[in-house]
Structure formats: structure tokens, C-alpha cells
Amino acid sequence: MTTMTIQTIETEEEYESMLAWIDKQFDQSPIPTSPEGEQLKLALAFVKAYEDIHYPMPSIQS
């Protein structure tokens, strides 16, 4: 697995870089409970937090 410093995402460049790293990690199918799997889960959480702020989903009104 490729090593990356996992940290909060502040810029679009960091976001794109994290997405590319995540894509590479999925190709290697890490075990979810391994250190690599835990690192991937943390990266996904930071991506979700960034997307929630910068790409919010519109609420559905019925």
C-alpha cells in the first residue's frame, strides 16, 4: 500500500489527491481491520466531511 499522511482536507487539490489515493487503496483490497484498512476508513471519513461542506446534497421536499 502507498503511504499517505491522512489529515483533514482543506483544499480542492488535497481532496483530489485523497480521492486518487483512495482509489489506489481499493484496488489493493485491504482487510478492513488492518492498519491499512483503518487508514482507508479514516481517509473516507475526511472525504465525506469535505464533501458535506463543499458539495452538500439538496434536501428533498415532499
PDB file of N, CA and C in Angstrom:
ATOM      1  N   MET A   1       0.836  -1.193   0.000  1.00  0.00           N
ATOM      2  CA  MET A   1       0.000   0.000   0.000  1.00  0.00           C
ATOM      3  C   MET A   1       0.870   1.241   0.000  1.00  0.00           C
ATOM      4  N   THR A   2       0.351   2.243  -0.645  1.00  0.00           N
ATOM      5  CA  THR A   2       1.040   3.518  -0.688  1.00  0.00           C
ATOM      6  C   THR A   2       0.798   4.261   0.615  1.00  0.00           C
ATOM      7  N   THR A   3       1.855   4.811   1.194  1.00  0.00           N
ATOM      8  CA  THR A   3       1.727   5.563   2.432  1.00  0.00           C
ATOM      9  C   THR A   3       1.317   6.995   2.118  1.00  0.00           C
ATOM     10  N   MET A   4       0.404   7.517   2.909  1.00  0.00           N
ATOM     11  CA  MET A   4      -0.041   8.897   2.768  1.00  0.00           C
ATOM     12  C   MET A   4      -0.329   9.423   4.162  1.00  0.00           C
ATOM     13  N   THR A   5      -0.011  10.665   4.379  1.00  0.00           N
ATOM     14  CA  THR A   5      -0.364  11.290   5.644  1.00  0.00           C
ATOM     15  C   THR A   5      -1.847  11.608   5.587  1.00  0.00           C
ATOM     16  N   ILE A   6      -2.612  10.998   6.464  1.00  0.00           N
ATOM     17  CA  ILE A   6      -4.052  11.213   6.485  1.00  0.00           C
ATOM     18  C   ILE A   6      -4.336  12.379   7.423  1.00  0.00           C
ATOM     19  N   GLN A   7      -4.961  13.404   6.862  1.00  0.00           N
ATOM     20  CA  GLN A   7      -5.282  14.600   7.638  1.00  0.00           C
ATOM     21  C   GLN A   7      -6.527  15.233   7.060  1.00  0.00           C
ATOM     22  N   THR A   8      -7.086  16.193   7.772  1.00  0.00           N
ATOM     23  CA  THR A   8      -8.276  16.864   7.261  1.00  0.00           C
ATOM     24  C   THR A   8      -7.968  17.487   5.903  1.00  0.00           C
ATOM     25  N   ILE A   9      -8.997  17.613   5.105  1.00  0.00           N
ATOM     26  CA  ILE A   9      -8.856  18.137   3.748  1.00  0.00           C
ATOM     27  C   ILE A   9      -9.284  19.598   3.762  1.00  0.00           C
ATOM     28  N   GLU A  10      -8.382  20.467   3.334  1.00  0.00           N
ATOM     29  CA  GLU A  10      -8.660  21.902   3.355  1.00  0.00           C
ATOM     30  C   GLU A  10      -8.856  22.500   1.962  1.00  0.00           C
ATOM     31  N   THR A  11      -8.292  21.875   0.936  1.00  0.00           N
ATOM     32  CA  THR A  11      -8.343  22.458  -0.408  1.00  0.00           C
ATOM     33  C   THR A  11      -8.850  21.435  -1.425  1.00  0.00           C
ATOM     34  N   GLU A  12      -9.270  21.931  -2.570  1.00  0.00           N
ATOM     35  CA  GLU A  12      -9.714  21.057  -3.651  1.00  0.00           C
ATOM     36  C   GLU A  12      -8.565  20.161  -4.120  1.00  0.00           C
ATOM     37  N   GLU A  13      -7.353  20.693  -4.116  1.00  0.00           N
ATOM     38  CA  GLU A  13      -6.177  19.899  -4.508  1.00  0.00           C
ATOM     39  C   GLU A  13      -5.966  18.731  -3.543  1.00  0.00           C
ATOM     40  N   GLU A  14      -6.074  18.991  -2.253  1.00  0.00           N
ATOM     41  CA  GLU A  14      -5.948  17.918  -1.259  1.00  0.00           C
ATOM     42  C   GLU A  14      -7.070  16.893  -1.423  1.00  0.00           C
ATOM     43  N   TYR A  15      -8.264  17.372  -1.726  1.00  0.00           N
ATOM     44  CA  TYR A  15      -9.419  16.497  -1.941  1.00  0.00           C
ATOM     45  C   TYR A  15      -9.163  15.566  -3.125  1.00  0.00           C
ATOM     46  N   GLU A  16      -8.724  16.132  -4.251  1.00  0.00           N
ATOM     47  CA  GLU A  16      -8.455  15.326  -5.442  1.00  0.00           C
ATOM     48  C   GLU A  16      -7.329  14.321  -5.185  1.00  0.00           C
ATOM     49  N   SER A  17      -6.310  14.743  -4.467  1.00  0.00           N
ATOM     50  CA  SER A  17      -5.198  13.862  -4.140  1.00  0.00           C
ATOM     51  C   SER A  17      -5.669  12.701  -3.264  1.00  0.00           C
ATOM     52  N   MET A  18      -6.508  12.999  -2.288  1.00  0.00           N
ATOM     53  CA  MET A  18      -7.029  11.966  -1.394  1.00  0.00           C
ATOM     54  C   MET A  18      -7.901  10.978  -2.173  1.00  0.00           C
ATOM     55  N   LEU A  19      -8.728  11.480  -3.086  1.00  0.00           N
ATOM     56  CA  LEU A  19      -9.561  10.589  -3.896  1.00  0.00           C
ATOM     57  C   LEU A  19      -8.702   9.642  -4.731  1.00  0.00           C
ATOM     58  N   ALA A  20      -7.639  10.163  -5.315  1.00  0.00           N
ATOM     59  CA  ALA A  20      -6.744   9.326  -6.121  1.00  0.00           C
ATOM     60  C   ALA A  20      -6.085   8.262  -5.248  1.00  0.00           C
ATOM     61  N   TRP A  21      -5.655   8.644  -4.056  1.00  0.00           N
ATOM     62  CA  TRP A  21      -5.031   7.696  -3.136  1.00  0.00           C
ATOM     63  C   TRP A  21      -6.030   6.615  -2.729  1.00  0.00           C
ATOM     64  N   ILE A  22      -7.253   7.021  -2.401  1.00  0.00           N
ATOM     65  CA  ILE A  22      -8.292   6.076  -2.003  1.00  0.00           C
ATOM     66  C   ILE A  22      -8.552   5.074  -3.123  1.00  0.00           C
ATOM     67  N   ASP A  23      -8.621   5.566  -4.350  1.00  0.00           N
ATOM     68  CA  ASP A  23      -8.860   4.687  -5.493  1.00  0.00           C
ATOM     69  C   ASP A  23      -7.785   3.606  -5.588  1.00  0.00           C
ATOM     70  N   LYS A  24      -6.535   3.988  -5.395  1.00  0.00           N
ATOM     71  CA  LYS A  24      -5.433   3.023  -5.430  1.00  0.00           C
ATOM     72  C   LYS A  24      -5.550   2.003  -4.297  1.00  0.00           C
ATOM     73  N   GLN A  25      -6.011   2.460  -3.129  1.00  0.00           N
ATOM     74  CA  GLN A  25      -6.128   1.556  -1.983  1.00  0.00           C
ATOM     75  C   GLN A  25      -7.212   0.509  -2.217  1.00  0.00           C
ATOM     76  N   PHE A  26      -8.332   0.926  -2.828  1.00  0.00           N
ATOM     77  CA  PHE A  26      -9.403  -0.020  -3.111  1.00  0.00           C
ATOM     78  C   PHE A  26      -8.917  -1.121  -4.044  1.00  0.00           C
ATOM     79  N   ASP A  27      -8.053  -0.767  -4.978  1.00  0.00           N
ATOM     80  CA  ASP A  27      -7.513  -1.767  -5.902  1.00  0.00           C
ATOM     81  C   ASP A  27      -6.736  -2.857  -5.164  1.00  0.00           C
ATOM     82  N   GLN A  28      -6.205  -2.532  -3.989  1.00  0.00           N
ATOM     83  CA  GLN A  28      -5.399  -3.492  -3.227  1.00  0.00           C
ATOM     84  C   GLN A  28      -6.218  -4.277  -2.201  1.00  0.00           C
ATOM     85  N   SER A  29      -7.503  -3.970  -2.085  1.00  0.00           N
ATOM     86  CA  SER A  29      -8.426  -4.693  -1.195  1.00  0.00           C
ATOM     87  C   SER A  29      -7.865  -4.932   0.206  1.00  0.00           C
ATOM     88  N   PRO A  30      -7.595  -3.859   0.969  1.00  0.00           N
ATOM     89  CA  PRO A  30      -7.060  -4.076   2.321  1.00  0.00           C
ATOM     90  C   PRO A  30      -8.108  -4.720   3.231  1.00  0.00           C
ATOM     91  N   ILE A  31      -7.637  -5.463   4.203  1.00  0.00           N
ATOM     92  CA  ILE A  31      -8.525  -6.037   5.213  1.00  0.00           C
ATOM     93  C   ILE A  31      -9.011  -4.873   6.084  1.00  0.00           C
ATOM     94  N   PRO A  32     -10.332  -4.729   6.261  1.00  0.00           N
ATOM     95  CA  PRO A  32     -10.864  -3.560   6.990  1.00  0.00           C
ATOM     96  C   PRO A  32     -10.266  -3.328   8.373  1.00  0.00           C
ATOM     97  N   THR A  33      -9.893  -4.390   9.072  1.00  0.00           N
ATOM     98  CA  THR A  33      -9.366  -4.231  10.431  1.00  0.00           C
ATOM     99  C   THR A  33      -7.844  -4.093  10.484  1.00  0.00           C
ATOM    100  N   SER A  34      -7.185  -4.158   9.323  1.00  0.00           N
ATOM    101  CA  SER A  34      -5.731  -3.994   9.278  1.00  0.00           C
ATOM    102  C   SER A  34      -5.381  -2.516   9.421  1.00  0.00           C
ATOM    103  N   PRO A  35      -4.136  -2.196   9.726  1.00  0.00           N
ATOM    104  CA  PRO A  35      -3.738  -0.779   9.785  1.00  0.00           C
ATOM    105  C   PRO A  35      -4.035  -0.047   8.476  1.00  0.00           C
ATOM    106  N   GLU A  36      -3.847  -0.718   7.349  1.00  0.00           N
ATOM    107  CA  GLU A  36      -4.121  -0.101   6.058  1.00  0.00           C
ATOM    108  C   GLU A  36      -5.621   0.146   5.887  1.00  0.00           C
ATOM    109  N   GLY A  37      -6.419  -0.828   6.328  1.00  0.00           N
ATOM    110  CA  GLY A  37      -7.875  -0.682   6.247  1.00  0.00           C
ATOM    111  C   GLY A  37      -8.370   0.441   7.144  1.00  0.00           C
ATOM    112  N   GLU A  38      -7.786   0.544   8.328  1.00  0.00           N
ATOM    113  CA  GLU A  38      -8.161   1.625   9.244  1.00  0.00           C
ATOM    114  C   GLU A  38      -7.782   2.991   8.655  1.00  0.00           C
ATOM    115  N   GLN A  39      -6.623   3.060   8.024  1.00  0.00           N
ATOM    116  CA  GLN A  39      -6.187   4.301   7.388  1.00  0.00           C
ATOM    117  C   GLN A  39      -7.145   4.679   6.250  1.00  0.00           C
ATOM    118  N   LEU A  40      -7.582   3.701   5.490  1.00  0.00           N
ATOM    119  CA  LEU A  40      -8.516   3.939   4.403  1.00  0.00           C
ATOM    120  C   LEU A  40      -9.858   4.432   4.942  1.00  0.00           C
ATOM    121  N   LYS A  41     -10.334   3.827   6.022  1.00  0.00           N
ATOM    122  CA  LYS A  41     -11.601   4.280   6.615  1.00  0.00           C
ATOM    123  C   LYS A  41     -11.507   5.722   7.097  1.00  0.00           C
ATOM    124  N   LEU A  42     -10.387   6.085   7.681  1.00  0.00           N
ATOM    125  CA  LEU A  42     -10.190   7.454   8.138  1.00  0.00           C
ATOM    126  C   LEU A  42     -10.179   8.420   6.946  1.00  0.00           C
ATOM    127  N   ALA A  43      -9.480   8.042   5.883  1.00  0.00           N
ATOM    128  CA  ALA A  43      -9.437   8.883   4.680  1.00  0.00           C
ATOM    129  C   ALA A  43     -10.835   9.081   4.113  1.00  0.00           C
ATOM    130  N   LEU A  44     -11.629   8.010   4.086  1.00  0.00           N
ATOM    131  CA  LEU A  44     -13.000   8.114   3.574  1.00  0.00           C
ATOM    132  C   LEU A  44     -13.848   9.051   4.447  1.00  0.00           C
ATOM    133  N   ALA A  45     -13.628   9.022   5.743  1.00  0.00           N
ATOM    134  CA  ALA A  45     -14.366   9.913   6.638  1.00  0.00           C
ATOM    135  C   ALA A  45     -14.002  11.378   6.365  1.00  0.00           C
ATOM    136  N   PHE A  46     -12.726  11.643   6.121  1.00  0.00           N
ATOM    137  CA  PHE A  46     -12.314  13.020   5.810  1.00  0.00           C
ATOM    138  C   PHE A  46     -12.877  13.478   4.470  1.00  0.00           C
ATOM    139  N   VAL A  47     -12.932  12.582   3.496  1.00  0.00           N
ATOM    140  CA  VAL A  47     -13.521  12.924   2.198  1.00  0.00           C
ATOM    141  C   VAL A  47     -15.001  13.238   2.370  1.00  0.00           C
ATOM    142  N   LYS A  48     -15.700  12.418   3.143  1.00  0.00           N
ATOM    143  CA  LYS A  48     -17.124  12.667   3.365  1.00  0.00           C
ATOM    144  C   LYS A  48     -17.341  14.014   4.047  1.00  0.00           C
ATOM    145  N   ALA A  49     -16.536  14.324   5.041  1.00  0.00           N
ATOM    146  CA  ALA A  49     -16.668  15.607   5.737  1.00  0.00           C
ATOM    147  C   ALA A  49     -16.446  16.769   4.767  1.00  0.00           C
ATOM    148  N   TYR A  50     -15.444  16.647   3.906  1.00  0.00           N
ATOM    149  CA  TYR A  50     -15.165  17.698   2.927  1.00  0.00           C
ATOM    150  C   TYR A  50     -16.337  17.835   1.958  1.00  0.00           C
ATOM    151  N   GLU A  51     -16.849  16.706   1.487  1.00  0.00           N
ATOM    152  CA  GLU A  51     -17.967  16.741   0.540  1.00  0.00           C
ATOM    153  C   GLU A  51     -19.229  17.298   1.184  1.00  0.00           C
ATOM    154  N   ASP A  52     -19.472  16.985   2.447  1.00  0.00           N
ATOM    155  CA  ASP A  52     -20.649  17.512   3.135  1.00  0.00           C
ATOM    156  C   ASP A  52     -20.624  19.037   3.185  1.00  0.00           C
ATOM    157  N   ILE A  53     -19.437  19.604   3.304  1.00  0.00           N
ATOM    158  CA  ILE A  53     -19.301  21.055   3.367  1.00  0.00           C
ATOM    159  C   ILE A  53     -19.331  21.680   1.975  1.00  0.00           C
ATOM    160  N   HIS A  54     -18.571  21.121   1.051  1.00  0.00           N
ATOM    161  CA  HIS A  54     -18.367  21.751  -0.255  1.00  0.00           C
ATOM    162  C   HIS A  54     -19.312  21.267  -1.352  1.00  0.00           C
ATOM    163  N   TYR A  55     -19.922  20.118  -1.165  1.00  0.00           N
ATOM    164  CA  TYR A  55     -20.851  19.560  -2.153  1.00  0.00           C
ATOM    165  C   TYR A  55     -22.103  19.032  -1.451  1.00  0.00           C
ATOM    166  N   PRO A  56     -22.822  19.917  -0.750  1.00  0.00           N
ATOM    167  CA  PRO A  56     -23.973  19.436   0.006  1.00  0.00           C
ATOM    168  C   PRO A  56     -25.076  18.906  -0.925  1.00  0.00           C
ATOM    169  N   MET A  57     -25.740  17.879  -0.449  1.00  0.00           N
ATOM    170  CA  MET A  57     -26.865  17.330  -1.182  1.00  0.00           C
ATOM    171  C   MET A  57     -28.095  18.165  -0.856  1.00  0.00           C
ATOM    172  N   PRO A  58     -28.851  18.571  -1.872  1.00  0.00           N
ATOM    173  CA  PRO A  58     -30.063  19.343  -1.583  1.00  0.00           C
ATOM    174  C   PRO A  58     -31.079  18.464  -0.857  1.00  0.00           C
ATOM    175  N   SER A  59     -31.807  19.074   0.053  1.00  0.00           N
ATOM    176  CA  SER A  59     -32.821  18.304   0.768  1.00  0.00           C
ATOM    177  C   SER A  59     -34.014  18.085  -0.155  1.00  0.00           C
ATOM    178  N   ILE A  60     -34.653  16.955   0.016  1.00  0.00           N
ATOM    179  CA  ILE A  60     -35.804  16.596  -0.813  1.00  0.00           C
ATOM    180  C   ILE A  60     -37.066  17.013  -0.072  1.00  0.00           C
ATOM    181  N   GLN A  61     -37.824  17.850  -0.702  1.00  0.00           N
ATOM    182  CA  GLN A  61     -39.089  18.315  -0.130  1.00  0.00           C
ATOM    183  C   GLN A  61     -40.222  17.497  -0.748  1.00  0.00           C
ATOM    184  N   SER A  62     -41.109  16.984   0.090  1.00  0.00           N
ATOM    185  CA  SER A  62     -42.226  16.200  -0.469  1.00  0.00           C
ATOM    186  C   SER A  62     -43.517  16.991  -0.422  1.00  0.00           C
TER     187      SER A  62
END
